[in-house]
Amino acid sequence: MQRDMILAKLGGIMPPSRLEHTLGVEISALSIAQVVGEDADTVALAALLHDCAKCLSMPDMLRLIDGGGMPIDRITRDNRSLLHAPAGAVLARDEYNVTDPRIIEAIRWHTTGRANIGRLGALIYLADVVEPYREDYPGLGAVRDSMGGDLNHALLLAVRDTIEYVRGRQKPIHPDSLALRDWLEAGGRPFDGQIME
């Protein structure tokens, strides 16, 4: 599906602020892609579709997930903020005809991350955090500043901030987020040590 068709479809289901966020993720993702040598078309498609299920109701997301054979855990099932990622992976595959498993995986894990996350998944996770239209929050400046250095460190800062944010709201922290943090702290490197210029 072509970019203009995707944007037209997303524009029909997303409020302007969500579409602006989506375009911001695309901008940031393409910037990172240039540095790490990721294919621009692949990155743009993953970025545009990362929140394609965000505006659905929880029952609709659950129907998509359950009907699409996407296994999820109880924490995800009970949390709208997490549920849209696996629902979006199914929607991207079934409605937007995405066949690249790396794109499906990037959409699936863009909220929690996971240990051994692939380069495209890490890229979308990070772009979702640093996109230029995101409202500022404590720690965002440090993540954006670290984009000028080791992208793996930027990703680690981003996941630490997410964990602290969830902890501060007294919500359950997803084990996959903790696993991503621990993997990065132990030397996991989805970006092969690439440096932003």
N, C-alpha and C. Protein backbone atom coordinates (compact mmCIF):
# COMPACT_ATOMS: atom_id res chain seq x y z
N MET A 1 0.85 -1.18 0.00
CA MET A 1 0.00 0.00 0.00
C MET A 1 0.89 1.24 0.00
N GLN A 2 0.56 2.20 -0.82
CA GLN A 2 1.37 3.41 -0.95
C GLN A 2 1.16 4.35 0.25
N ARG A 3 2.19 5.18 0.47
CA ARG A 3 2.18 6.07 1.62
C ARG A 3 0.95 6.96 1.65
N ASP A 4 0.58 7.56 0.51
CA ASP A 4 -0.58 8.47 0.50
C ASP A 4 -1.87 7.73 0.83
N MET A 5 -1.98 6.47 0.41
CA MET A 5 -3.17 5.67 0.74
C MET A 5 -3.20 5.34 2.23
N ILE A 6 -2.03 5.03 2.78
CA ILE A 6 -1.95 4.74 4.22
C ILE A 6 -2.33 5.98 5.02
N LEU A 7 -1.77 7.13 4.62
CA LEU A 7 -2.07 8.37 5.35
C LEU A 7 -3.55 8.73 5.25
N ALA A 8 -4.15 8.51 4.10
CA ALA A 8 -5.57 8.79 3.94
C ALA A 8 -6.40 7.89 4.86
N LYS A 9 -6.02 6.64 4.92
CA LYS A 9 -6.74 5.69 5.78
C LYS A 9 -6.55 6.04 7.25
N LEU A 10 -5.30 6.34 7.64
CA LEU A 10 -5.03 6.71 9.03
C LEU A 10 -5.74 8.02 9.39
N GLY A 11 -5.75 8.96 8.46
CA GLY A 11 -6.41 10.24 8.71
C GLY A 11 -7.90 10.10 8.95
N GLY A 12 -8.48 9.03 8.43
CA GLY A 12 -9.89 8.78 8.64
C GLY A 12 -10.21 8.15 9.99
N ILE A 13 -9.21 7.62 10.67
CA ILE A 13 -9.46 6.96 11.96
C ILE A 13 -8.73 7.59 13.14
N MET A 14 -7.79 8.49 12.84
CA MET A 14 -6.99 9.11 13.91
C MET A 14 -7.35 10.59 14.05
N PRO A 15 -7.35 11.08 15.29
CA PRO A 15 -7.47 12.53 15.45
C PRO A 15 -6.19 13.20 14.94
N PRO A 16 -6.26 14.48 14.61
CA PRO A 16 -5.08 15.17 14.08
C PRO A 16 -3.83 15.05 14.95
N SER A 17 -4.00 15.07 16.26
CA SER A 17 -2.83 14.98 17.15
C SER A 17 -2.13 13.63 17.04
N ARG A 18 -2.89 12.55 16.87
CA ARG A 18 -2.30 11.22 16.73
C ARG A 18 -1.62 11.09 15.37
N LEU A 19 -2.23 11.67 14.34
CA LEU A 19 -1.61 11.63 13.02
C LEU A 19 -0.31 12.45 13.02
N GLU A 20 -0.31 13.59 13.71
CA GLU A 20 0.90 14.38 13.84
C GLU A 20 2.00 13.58 14.53
N HIS A 21 1.64 12.88 15.60
CA HIS A 21 2.60 12.03 16.31
C HIS A 21 3.16 10.97 15.35
N THR A 22 2.29 10.34 14.59
CA THR A 22 2.70 9.30 13.64
C THR A 22 3.70 9.86 12.63
N LEU A 23 3.43 11.03 12.11
CA LEU A 23 4.34 11.66 11.15
C LEU A 23 5.66 12.04 11.84
N GLY A 24 5.59 12.43 13.10
CA GLY A 24 6.80 12.72 13.85
C GLY A 24 7.65 11.48 14.05
N VAL A 25 7.00 10.34 14.31
CA VAL A 25 7.74 9.08 14.44
C VAL A 25 8.40 8.73 13.11
N GLU A 26 7.69 8.95 12.02
CA GLU A 26 8.28 8.68 10.71
C GLU A 26 9.52 9.55 10.48
N ILE A 27 9.45 10.83 10.82
CA ILE A 27 10.59 11.74 10.66
C ILE A 27 11.79 11.23 11.47
N SER A 28 11.55 10.94 12.75
CA SER A 28 12.64 10.48 13.62
C SER A 28 13.19 9.14 13.17
N ALA A 29 12.30 8.24 12.78
CA ALA A 29 12.73 6.91 12.36
C ALA A 29 13.59 6.98 11.10
N LEU A 30 13.19 7.81 10.16
CA LEU A 30 13.98 7.94 8.93
C LEU A 30 15.34 8.56 9.21
N SER A 31 15.40 9.47 10.17
CA SER A 31 16.67 10.07 10.56
C SER A 31 17.61 9.01 11.14
N ILE A 32 17.08 8.18 12.02
CA ILE A 32 17.89 7.11 12.61
C ILE A 32 18.29 6.10 11.53
N ALA A 33 17.35 5.80 10.63
CA ALA A 33 17.61 4.82 9.57
C ALA A 33 18.79 5.20 8.71
N GLN A 34 18.95 6.49 8.44
CA GLN A 34 20.09 6.95 7.63
C GLN A 34 21.41 6.62 8.30
N VAL A 35 21.43 6.69 9.61
CA VAL A 35 22.67 6.45 10.36
C VAL A 35 22.99 4.97 10.46
N VAL A 36 21.96 4.14 10.69
CA VAL A 36 22.21 2.72 10.93
C VAL A 36 22.10 1.86 9.68
N GLY A 37 21.76 2.49 8.55
CA GLY A 37 21.72 1.75 7.30
C GLY A 37 20.49 0.89 7.12
N GLU A 38 19.39 1.29 7.73
CA GLU A 38 18.13 0.55 7.59
C GLU A 38 17.39 1.08 6.36
N ASP A 39 16.68 0.21 5.66
CA ASP A 39 15.94 0.58 4.45
C ASP A 39 14.86 1.61 4.77
N ALA A 40 14.87 2.72 4.04
CA ALA A 40 13.95 3.83 4.32
C ALA A 40 12.49 3.43 4.12
N ASP A 41 12.18 2.67 3.08
CA ASP A 41 10.79 2.28 2.84
C ASP A 41 10.26 1.39 3.96
N THR A 42 11.09 0.47 4.41
CA THR A 42 10.71 -0.43 5.50
C THR A 42 10.46 0.36 6.78
N VAL A 43 11.37 1.27 7.07
CA VAL A 43 11.26 2.09 8.27
C VAL A 43 10.03 2.98 8.21
N ALA A 44 9.79 3.62 7.08
CA ALA A 44 8.63 4.50 6.94
C ALA A 44 7.33 3.74 7.15
N LEU A 45 7.23 2.54 6.58
CA LEU A 45 6.02 1.75 6.73
C LEU A 45 5.80 1.36 8.19
N ALA A 46 6.84 0.91 8.86
CA ALA A 46 6.72 0.55 10.28
C ALA A 46 6.32 1.76 11.12
N ALA A 47 6.92 2.90 10.83
CA ALA A 47 6.62 4.12 11.59
C ALA A 47 5.17 4.57 11.37
N LEU A 48 4.74 4.57 10.12
CA LEU A 48 3.38 5.01 9.82
C LEU A 48 2.32 4.11 10.45
N LEU A 49 2.61 2.82 10.55
CA LEU A 49 1.61 1.88 11.05
C LEU A 49 1.77 1.53 12.53
N HIS A 50 2.77 2.10 13.21
CA HIS A 50 3.03 1.66 14.58
C HIS A 50 1.84 1.87 15.50
N ASP A 51 1.06 2.91 15.28
CA ASP A 51 -0.12 3.20 16.11
C ASP A 51 -1.43 3.01 15.35
N CYS A 52 -1.44 2.18 14.32
CA CYS A 52 -2.64 2.05 13.48
C CYS A 52 -3.86 1.54 14.24
N ALA A 53 -3.65 0.87 15.37
CA ALA A 53 -4.78 0.37 16.17
C ALA A 53 -5.04 1.21 17.41
N LYS A 54 -4.30 2.27 17.60
CA LYS A 54 -4.35 3.06 18.84
C LYS A 54 -5.75 3.62 19.12
N CYS A 55 -6.50 3.96 18.10
CA CYS A 55 -7.79 4.61 18.31
C CYS A 55 -8.96 3.63 18.35
N LEU A 56 -8.68 2.35 18.28
CA LEU A 56 -9.74 1.35 18.39
C LEU A 56 -10.15 1.19 19.85
N SER A 57 -11.35 0.70 20.06
CA SER A 57 -11.80 0.39 21.42
C SER A 57 -11.06 -0.86 21.91
N MET A 58 -11.02 -1.04 23.22
CA MET A 58 -10.38 -2.24 23.77
C MET A 58 -11.05 -3.51 23.27
N PRO A 59 -12.39 -3.58 23.23
CA PRO A 59 -13.00 -4.80 22.69
C PRO A 59 -12.61 -5.07 21.23
N ASP A 60 -12.51 -4.01 20.43
CA ASP A 60 -12.09 -4.20 19.04
C ASP A 60 -10.64 -4.67 18.96
N MET A 61 -9.77 -4.11 19.80
CA MET A 61 -8.38 -4.55 19.81
C MET A 61 -8.29 -6.01 20.22
N LEU A 62 -9.05 -6.39 21.24
CA LEU A 62 -9.01 -7.77 21.70
C LEU A 62 -9.55 -8.73 20.64
N ARG A 63 -10.58 -8.32 19.92
CA ARG A 63 -11.10 -9.16 18.83
C ARG A 63 -10.05 -9.36 17.75
N LEU A 64 -9.34 -8.28 17.41
CA LEU A 64 -8.27 -8.39 16.41
C LEU A 64 -7.20 -9.36 16.87
N ILE A 65 -6.74 -9.18 18.09
CA ILE A 65 -5.65 -9.99 18.64
C ILE A 65 -6.07 -11.47 18.72
N ASP A 66 -7.23 -11.70 19.31
CA ASP A 66 -7.68 -13.08 19.49
C ASP A 66 -7.96 -13.75 18.14
N GLY A 67 -8.56 -13.00 17.21
CA GLY A 67 -8.84 -13.55 15.89
C GLY A 67 -7.61 -13.67 15.01
N GLY A 68 -6.60 -12.89 15.32
CA GLY A 68 -5.39 -12.87 14.50
C GLY A 68 -4.28 -13.77 14.98
N GLY A 69 -4.56 -14.54 16.04
CA GLY A 69 -3.56 -15.48 16.52
C GLY A 69 -2.33 -14.82 17.13
N MET A 70 -2.51 -13.67 17.76
CA MET A 70 -1.39 -12.96 18.39
C MET A 70 -1.44 -13.22 19.89
N PRO A 71 -0.55 -14.05 20.42
CA PRO A 71 -0.59 -14.32 21.87
C PRO A 71 -0.17 -13.10 22.68
N ILE A 72 -0.92 -12.85 23.74
CA ILE A 72 -0.57 -11.75 24.65
C ILE A 72 -0.74 -12.24 26.09
N ASP A 73 -0.07 -11.55 26.99
CA ASP A 73 -0.14 -11.89 28.41
C ASP A 73 -1.22 -11.06 29.09
N ARG A 74 -1.45 -11.36 30.34
CA ARG A 74 -2.52 -10.70 31.11
C ARG A 74 -2.25 -9.20 31.29
N ILE A 75 -1.03 -8.81 31.54
CA ILE A 75 -0.73 -7.38 31.72
C ILE A 75 -1.11 -6.61 30.46
N THR A 76 -0.73 -7.13 29.31
CA THR A 76 -1.06 -6.47 28.04
C THR A 76 -2.56 -6.47 27.82
N ARG A 77 -3.22 -7.58 28.07
CA ARG A 77 -4.67 -7.71 27.84
C ARG A 77 -5.45 -6.67 28.64
N ASP A 78 -4.96 -6.31 29.81
CA ASP A 78 -5.69 -5.39 30.69
C ASP A 78 -5.25 -3.94 30.56
N ASN A 79 -4.35 -3.63 29.63
CA ASN A 79 -3.78 -2.29 29.56
C ASN A 79 -3.92 -1.71 28.15
N ARG A 80 -4.79 -0.74 28.00
CA ARG A 80 -5.04 -0.13 26.69
C ARG A 80 -3.75 0.44 26.08
N SER A 81 -2.88 0.99 26.92
CA SER A 81 -1.64 1.59 26.42
C SER A 81 -0.71 0.56 25.79
N LEU A 82 -0.82 -0.69 26.23
CA LEU A 82 0.00 -1.76 25.68
C LEU A 82 -0.73 -2.53 24.59
N LEU A 83 -2.02 -2.63 24.70
CA LEU A 83 -2.82 -3.48 23.83
C LEU A 83 -2.77 -3.07 22.37
N HIS A 84 -2.60 -1.77 22.12
CA HIS A 84 -2.64 -1.32 20.72
C HIS A 84 -1.45 -1.82 19.90
N ALA A 85 -0.37 -2.21 20.56
CA ALA A 85 0.80 -2.68 19.82
C ALA A 85 0.56 -4.05 19.17
N PRO A 86 0.15 -5.09 19.93
CA PRO A 86 -0.15 -6.35 19.26
C PRO A 86 -1.35 -6.24 18.33
N ALA A 87 -2.35 -5.43 18.70
CA ALA A 87 -3.49 -5.23 17.81
C ALA A 87 -3.03 -4.57 16.50
N GLY A 88 -2.12 -3.62 16.62
CA GLY A 88 -1.59 -2.95 15.43
C GLY A 88 -0.80 -3.90 14.55
N ALA A 89 -0.09 -4.83 15.16
CA ALA A 89 0.66 -5.81 14.38
C ALA A 89 -0.28 -6.67 13.54
N VAL A 90 -1.40 -7.09 14.14
CA VAL A 90 -2.40 -7.88 13.41
C VAL A 90 -3.04 -7.02 12.32
N LEU A 91 -3.41 -5.79 12.66
CA LEU A 91 -4.04 -4.90 11.70
C LEU A 91 -3.12 -4.59 10.52
N ALA A 92 -1.85 -4.36 10.81
CA ALA A 92 -0.88 -4.09 9.73
C ALA A 92 -0.79 -5.29 8.79
N ARG A 93 -0.76 -6.46 9.36
CA ARG A 93 -0.67 -7.69 8.55
C ARG A 93 -1.95 -7.94 7.76
N ASP A 94 -3.11 -7.83 8.42
CA ASP A 94 -4.36 -8.27 7.82
C ASP A 94 -5.08 -7.20 7.02
N GLU A 95 -4.94 -5.93 7.41
CA GLU A 95 -5.66 -4.87 6.69
C GLU A 95 -4.76 -4.04 5.78
N TYR A 96 -3.50 -3.88 6.17
CA TYR A 96 -2.58 -3.09 5.36
C TYR A 96 -1.66 -3.99 4.53
N ASN A 97 -1.86 -5.28 4.62
CA ASN A 97 -1.15 -6.27 3.80
C ASN A 97 0.37 -6.24 3.98
N VAL A 98 0.81 -6.00 5.19
CA VAL A 98 2.24 -6.01 5.49
C VAL A 98 2.68 -7.46 5.65
N THR A 99 3.68 -7.86 4.89
CA THR A 99 4.16 -9.24 4.94
C THR A 99 5.55 -9.36 5.57
N ASP A 100 6.26 -8.25 5.72
CA ASP A 100 7.61 -8.28 6.27
C ASP A 100 7.54 -8.56 7.78
N PRO A 101 8.06 -9.70 8.23
CA PRO A 101 7.96 -10.03 9.66
C PRO A 101 8.70 -9.03 10.55
N ARG A 102 9.70 -8.35 10.03
CA ARG A 102 10.42 -7.35 10.83
C ARG A 102 9.52 -6.15 11.13
N ILE A 103 8.68 -5.78 10.18
CA ILE A 103 7.75 -4.66 10.41
C ILE A 103 6.69 -5.07 11.43
N ILE A 104 6.15 -6.27 11.25
CA ILE A 104 5.15 -6.77 12.20
C ILE A 104 5.75 -6.81 13.61
N GLU A 105 6.97 -7.30 13.71
CA GLU A 105 7.65 -7.37 15.01
C GLU A 105 7.88 -5.98 15.59
N ALA A 106 8.29 -5.03 14.77
CA ALA A 106 8.54 -3.67 15.26
C ALA A 106 7.27 -3.04 15.81
N ILE A 107 6.16 -3.24 15.11
CA ILE A 107 4.89 -2.71 15.59
C ILE A 107 4.49 -3.43 16.88
N ARG A 108 4.65 -4.73 16.90
CA ARG A 108 4.26 -5.54 18.07
C ARG A 108 4.98 -5.12 19.35
N TRP A 109 6.27 -4.76 19.24
CA TRP A 109 7.06 -4.50 20.44
C TRP A 109 7.38 -3.02 20.67
N HIS A 110 6.69 -2.11 19.98
CA HIS A 110 7.08 -0.70 20.11
C HIS A 110 6.69 -0.07 21.44
N THR A 111 5.84 -0.71 22.22
CA THR A 111 5.47 -0.13 23.52
C THR A 111 6.29 -0.69 24.67
N THR A 112 6.49 -1.99 24.70
CA THR A 112 7.22 -2.60 25.81
C THR A 112 8.68 -2.84 25.48
N GLY A 113 8.99 -3.06 24.20
CA GLY A 113 10.31 -3.56 23.86
C GLY A 113 10.42 -4.99 24.33
N ARG A 114 11.60 -5.57 24.18
CA ARG A 114 11.86 -6.92 24.66
C ARG A 114 13.35 -7.18 24.57
N ALA A 115 13.83 -8.15 25.30
CA ALA A 115 15.24 -8.53 25.19
C ALA A 115 15.50 -9.02 23.77
N ASN A 116 16.72 -8.79 23.30
CA ASN A 116 17.12 -9.19 21.95
C ASN A 116 16.27 -8.54 20.87
N ILE A 117 15.77 -7.36 21.12
CA ILE A 117 14.95 -6.66 20.14
C ILE A 117 15.79 -6.43 18.88
N GLY A 118 15.17 -6.58 17.74
CA GLY A 118 15.86 -6.37 16.48
C GLY A 118 16.12 -4.89 16.22
N ARG A 119 16.96 -4.62 15.25
CA ARG A 119 17.33 -3.23 14.94
C ARG A 119 16.11 -2.39 14.54
N LEU A 120 15.24 -2.94 13.70
CA LEU A 120 14.05 -2.17 13.28
C LEU A 120 13.13 -1.93 14.47
N GLY A 121 12.94 -2.93 15.31
CA GLY A 121 12.10 -2.75 16.49
C GLY A 121 12.66 -1.71 17.44
N ALA A 122 13.97 -1.75 17.65
CA ALA A 122 14.62 -0.76 18.51
C ALA A 122 14.49 0.64 17.92
N LEU A 123 14.61 0.72 16.61
CA LEU A 123 14.53 1.99 15.91
C LEU A 123 13.14 2.61 16.10
N ILE A 124 12.09 1.82 15.91
CA ILE A 124 10.72 2.33 16.06
C ILE A 124 10.43 2.68 17.52
N TYR A 125 10.88 1.86 18.45
CA TYR A 125 10.71 2.15 19.87
C TYR A 125 11.33 3.52 20.19
N LEU A 126 12.55 3.72 19.74
CA LEU A 126 13.26 4.96 20.05
C LEU A 126 12.63 6.15 19.32
N ALA A 127 12.28 5.98 18.07
CA ALA A 127 11.65 7.07 17.31
C ALA A 127 10.32 7.49 17.95
N ASP A 128 9.59 6.53 18.49
CA ASP A 128 8.32 6.82 19.16
C ASP A 128 8.55 7.71 20.38
N VAL A 129 9.67 7.55 21.04
CA VAL A 129 9.98 8.34 22.23
C VAL A 129 10.45 9.75 21.86
N VAL A 130 11.33 9.87 20.87
CA VAL A 130 12.00 11.14 20.61
C VAL A 130 11.34 11.99 19.52
N GLU A 131 10.25 11.51 18.93
CA GLU A 131 9.66 12.27 17.81
C GLU A 131 9.43 13.73 18.21
N PRO A 132 9.58 14.64 17.23
CA PRO A 132 9.65 16.07 17.55
C PRO A 132 8.38 16.68 18.12
N TYR A 133 7.24 16.04 17.95
CA TYR A 133 5.98 16.62 18.44
C TYR A 133 5.58 16.10 19.81
N ARG A 134 6.37 15.18 20.36
CA ARG A 134 6.03 14.61 21.67
C ARG A 134 6.14 15.68 22.75
N GLU A 135 5.13 15.71 23.60
CA GLU A 135 5.14 16.65 24.73
C GLU A 135 6.31 16.31 25.65
N ASP A 136 6.98 17.33 26.11
CA ASP A 136 8.16 17.14 26.95
C ASP A 136 7.77 16.48 28.28
N TYR A 137 8.64 15.65 28.78
CA TYR A 137 8.47 15.03 30.08
C TYR A 137 9.86 14.87 30.69
N PRO A 138 9.96 14.71 32.03
CA PRO A 138 11.28 14.57 32.65
C PRO A 138 12.04 13.40 32.03
N GLY A 139 13.24 13.67 31.60
CA GLY A 139 14.06 12.63 31.00
C GLY A 139 14.10 12.65 29.48
N LEU A 140 13.09 13.26 28.85
CA LEU A 140 13.05 13.27 27.39
C LEU A 140 14.24 14.04 26.81
N GLY A 141 14.59 15.15 27.44
CA GLY A 141 15.72 15.94 26.96
C GLY A 141 17.01 15.12 26.96
N ALA A 142 17.21 14.33 28.00
CA ALA A 142 18.42 13.51 28.09
C ALA A 142 18.44 12.45 27.00
N VAL A 143 17.27 11.86 26.71
CA VAL A 143 17.20 10.86 25.65
C VAL A 143 17.52 11.52 24.31
N ARG A 144 16.90 12.66 24.05
CA ARG A 144 17.16 13.36 22.79
C ARG A 144 18.62 13.79 22.68
N ASP A 145 19.19 14.28 23.78
CA ASP A 145 20.60 14.68 23.76
C ASP A 145 21.50 13.49 23.47
N SER A 146 21.15 12.33 24.00
CA SER A 146 22.00 11.15 23.81
C SER A 146 21.91 10.60 22.40
N MET A 147 20.95 11.09 21.61
CA MET A 147 20.85 10.67 20.22
C MET A 147 22.09 11.09 19.43
N GLY A 148 22.82 12.05 19.94
CA GLY A 148 24.05 12.47 19.29
C GLY A 148 25.23 11.56 19.59
N GLY A 149 25.00 10.55 20.41
CA GLY A 149 26.06 9.60 20.76
C GLY A 149 25.64 8.18 20.42
N ASP A 150 25.83 7.29 21.34
CA ASP A 150 25.52 5.88 21.13
C ASP A 150 24.00 5.67 21.18
N LEU A 151 23.43 5.17 20.09
CA LEU A 151 21.98 4.95 20.05
C LEU A 151 21.52 3.88 21.03
N ASN A 152 22.39 2.93 21.34
CA ASN A 152 22.04 1.92 22.33
C ASN A 152 21.86 2.56 23.70
N HIS A 153 22.69 3.55 24.01
CA HIS A 153 22.55 4.27 25.28
C HIS A 153 21.25 5.08 25.28
N ALA A 154 20.93 5.70 24.15
CA ALA A 154 19.67 6.44 24.05
C ALA A 154 18.48 5.52 24.29
N LEU A 155 18.54 4.33 23.71
CA LEU A 155 17.46 3.35 23.90
C LEU A 155 17.37 2.94 25.37
N LEU A 156 18.50 2.73 26.01
CA LEU A 156 18.51 2.37 27.42
C LEU A 156 17.89 3.48 28.27
N LEU A 157 18.25 4.73 28.01
CA LEU A 157 17.65 5.84 28.74
C LEU A 157 16.14 5.88 28.53
N ALA A 158 15.71 5.63 27.30
CA ALA A 158 14.28 5.67 26.97
C ALA A 158 13.51 4.59 27.73
N VAL A 159 14.05 3.38 27.76
CA VAL A 159 13.32 2.31 28.45
C VAL A 159 13.36 2.53 29.97
N ARG A 160 14.45 3.06 30.49
CA ARG A 160 14.49 3.37 31.93
C ARG A 160 13.44 4.42 32.27
N ASP A 161 13.32 5.45 31.43
CA ASP A 161 12.31 6.49 31.67
C ASP A 161 10.89 5.91 31.64
N THR A 162 10.65 5.01 30.70
CA THR A 162 9.34 4.38 30.60
C THR A 162 9.03 3.58 31.86
N ILE A 163 9.99 2.82 32.32
CA ILE A 163 9.81 2.02 33.54
C ILE A 163 9.51 2.93 34.73
N GLU A 164 10.27 4.02 34.86
CA GLU A 164 10.03 4.95 35.97
C GLU A 164 8.67 5.63 35.87
N TYR A 165 8.26 5.96 34.66
CA TYR A 165 6.95 6.58 34.45
C TYR A 165 5.84 5.63 34.90
N VAL A 166 5.92 4.38 34.46
CA VAL A 166 4.91 3.39 34.82
C VAL A 166 4.93 3.14 36.32
N ARG A 167 6.11 3.03 36.89
CA ARG A 167 6.25 2.82 38.34
C ARG A 167 5.62 4.00 39.10
N GLY A 168 5.87 5.22 38.62
CA GLY A 168 5.32 6.41 39.27
C GLY A 168 3.80 6.47 39.22
N ARG A 169 3.21 5.83 38.21
CA ARG A 169 1.75 5.78 38.12
C ARG A 169 1.18 4.57 38.85
N GLN A 170 2.07 3.82 39.51
CA GLN A 170 1.70 2.64 40.30
C GLN A 170 0.95 1.61 39.45
N LYS A 171 1.44 1.44 38.23
CA LYS A 171 0.92 0.43 37.31
C LYS A 171 1.92 -0.71 37.23
N PRO A 172 1.48 -1.89 36.81
CA PRO A 172 2.43 -2.99 36.68
C PRO A 172 3.42 -2.74 35.54
N ILE A 173 4.68 -2.96 35.81
CA ILE A 173 5.72 -2.79 34.79
C ILE A 173 5.79 -4.08 33.99
N HIS A 174 5.72 -3.94 32.68
CA HIS A 174 5.71 -5.15 31.86
C HIS A 174 7.07 -5.85 31.94
N PRO A 175 7.07 -7.16 32.15
CA PRO A 175 8.34 -7.90 32.22
C PRO A 175 9.21 -7.74 30.97
N ASP A 176 8.60 -7.53 29.81
CA ASP A 176 9.40 -7.35 28.59
C ASP A 176 10.18 -6.04 28.62
N SER A 177 9.63 -5.01 29.25
CA SER A 177 10.36 -3.75 29.39
C SER A 177 11.56 -3.94 30.32
N LEU A 178 11.34 -4.65 31.41
CA LEU A 178 12.45 -4.96 32.32
C LEU A 178 13.50 -5.81 31.62
N ALA A 179 13.05 -6.74 30.81
CA ALA A 179 13.99 -7.61 30.08
C ALA A 179 14.80 -6.81 29.07
N LEU A 180 14.16 -5.83 28.41
CA LEU A 180 14.90 -4.97 27.48
C LEU A 180 15.95 -4.16 28.22
N ARG A 181 15.54 -3.56 29.33
CA ARG A 181 16.50 -2.79 30.14
C ARG A 181 17.68 -3.65 30.56
N ASP A 182 17.37 -4.82 31.10
CA ASP A 182 18.44 -5.70 31.60
C ASP A 182 19.36 -6.15 30.47
N TRP A 183 18.80 -6.45 29.32
CA TRP A 183 19.58 -6.88 28.16
C TRP A 183 20.52 -5.76 27.70
N LEU A 184 20.00 -4.54 27.65
CA LEU A 184 20.83 -3.40 27.25
C LEU A 184 21.92 -3.13 28.28
N GLU A 185 21.57 -3.21 29.55
CA GLU A 185 22.56 -2.99 30.61
C GLU A 185 23.66 -4.05 30.58
N ALA A 186 23.31 -5.24 30.11
CA ALA A 186 24.29 -6.34 30.02
C ALA A 186 25.09 -6.30 28.72
N GLY A 187 24.85 -5.26 27.90
CA GLY A 187 25.64 -5.11 26.68
C GLY A 187 24.92 -5.41 25.39
N GLY A 188 23.60 -5.67 25.45
CA GLY A 188 22.83 -5.86 24.22
C GLY A 188 22.93 -4.64 23.32
N ARG A 189 23.10 -4.86 22.02
CA ARG A 189 23.37 -3.75 21.10
C ARG A 189 22.60 -3.91 19.79
N PRO A 190 21.33 -3.52 19.76
CA PRO A 190 20.58 -3.63 18.51
C PRO A 190 21.11 -2.73 17.41
N PHE A 191 21.78 -1.66 17.80
CA PHE A 191 22.29 -0.71 16.81
C PHE A 191 23.77 -0.91 16.47
N ASP A 192 24.37 -1.99 16.91
CA ASP A 192 25.76 -2.29 16.59
C ASP A 192 26.69 -1.12 16.92
N GLY A 193 26.32 -0.34 17.95
CA GLY A 193 27.17 0.76 18.38
C GLY A 193 27.19 1.95 17.44
N GLN A 194 26.23 2.03 16.53
CA GLN A 194 26.19 3.15 15.58
C GLN A 194 26.04 4.47 16.33
N ILE A 195 26.64 5.49 15.79
CA ILE A 195 26.61 6.83 16.40
C ILE A 195 25.86 7.77 15.46
N MET A 196 24.93 8.54 16.03
CA MET A 196 24.25 9.57 15.25
C MET A 196 25.26 10.67 14.94
N GLU A 197 25.13 11.28 13.80
CA GLU A 197 26.03 12.38 13.43
C GLU A 197 25.29 13.69 13.35
